[in-house]
Amino acid sequence: MATEQGTIHTRNRLFYFSGAALAILLVFAGFAKTYYMKAVFGTPGLTPLVHLHGLVMTAWFALFIVQTWLVASRKIQLHKRLGIFGAFLAVTLVVVGVTTAIAAARLGHSPGPPPLIFLVVPLADMLLFTILVGLGLALRARRETHRRLMMLGTLGILPAAVARIPLAFIHNGGLLMFFGLADLVVVAFVAYDTWKSRRLHPAFGWGALLIIASCPLRLMLASTHAWMQFALWVTR
């Protein structure tokens, strides 16, 4: 019985580590050409703000995989101490992410849709991250809820990386493909956790629903007069 329990606990810990590893692989695949290996590909230079954005985002994904490894290694006290830095990094990520998105819209940068309409995508990503990670940090004493919310908060900001993976079927699919593939990652982890635990954990259920519903909701919002007024206001 003790051996069986140990195996279950090991699988649980590796589950979150595998999620973190997949996330960082997708981020590298998406941004290798324009950020991580831009010297090799000779892509255009980046502004200091975009460099800062890339650095902060990279730091978050790196910290996330380190944190899951610490839990898997039973180094809980170090995990908690790093969590304090993680909270400050999360706030920095949101501030820099919002600033970068607004600056890009102000300069007319967009992967396709009009910049003021596309602005809803990164701003909604930052809102989702704030909600999920904020709740995860607030509920850190509830271990099972905390770890699921932190994982969802990290997986929820993957669409930007997925959109930049150099595969024709992804690029040709547009926003629905970007979000669909990122949502598929979320659904796969939630489905496996549900199968393994024989129940859908509320944090995974409500969190995944929020992530999946955010795509059509933000597209609906972007087409409204209220959004355009807001976008014009923040990009002045």
Foldseek 3Di string as FASTA:
>chain_A
DVVVVVVLQLVVLVLQLVLLVVLLVLLCLQCVCPPVPVVVNVDDDDDPLVNVLVVLLNVLSVLSNVLSVCVSVVVVVVSVVVVVVNVVSLVVNLVSQLVVLLVCLLVQDDPDPTSLLCSLVSNVLSVLLCVLQVVLVVVVVVPVLNSLSNSLSSLLNSLSSQCRNPDVVSVVVPPCSSLVVSLVSLVVSQVVVCVSVVHRDPSSVVSSVCSNVSSVVSNVVSPDPVSSVVSVVSND
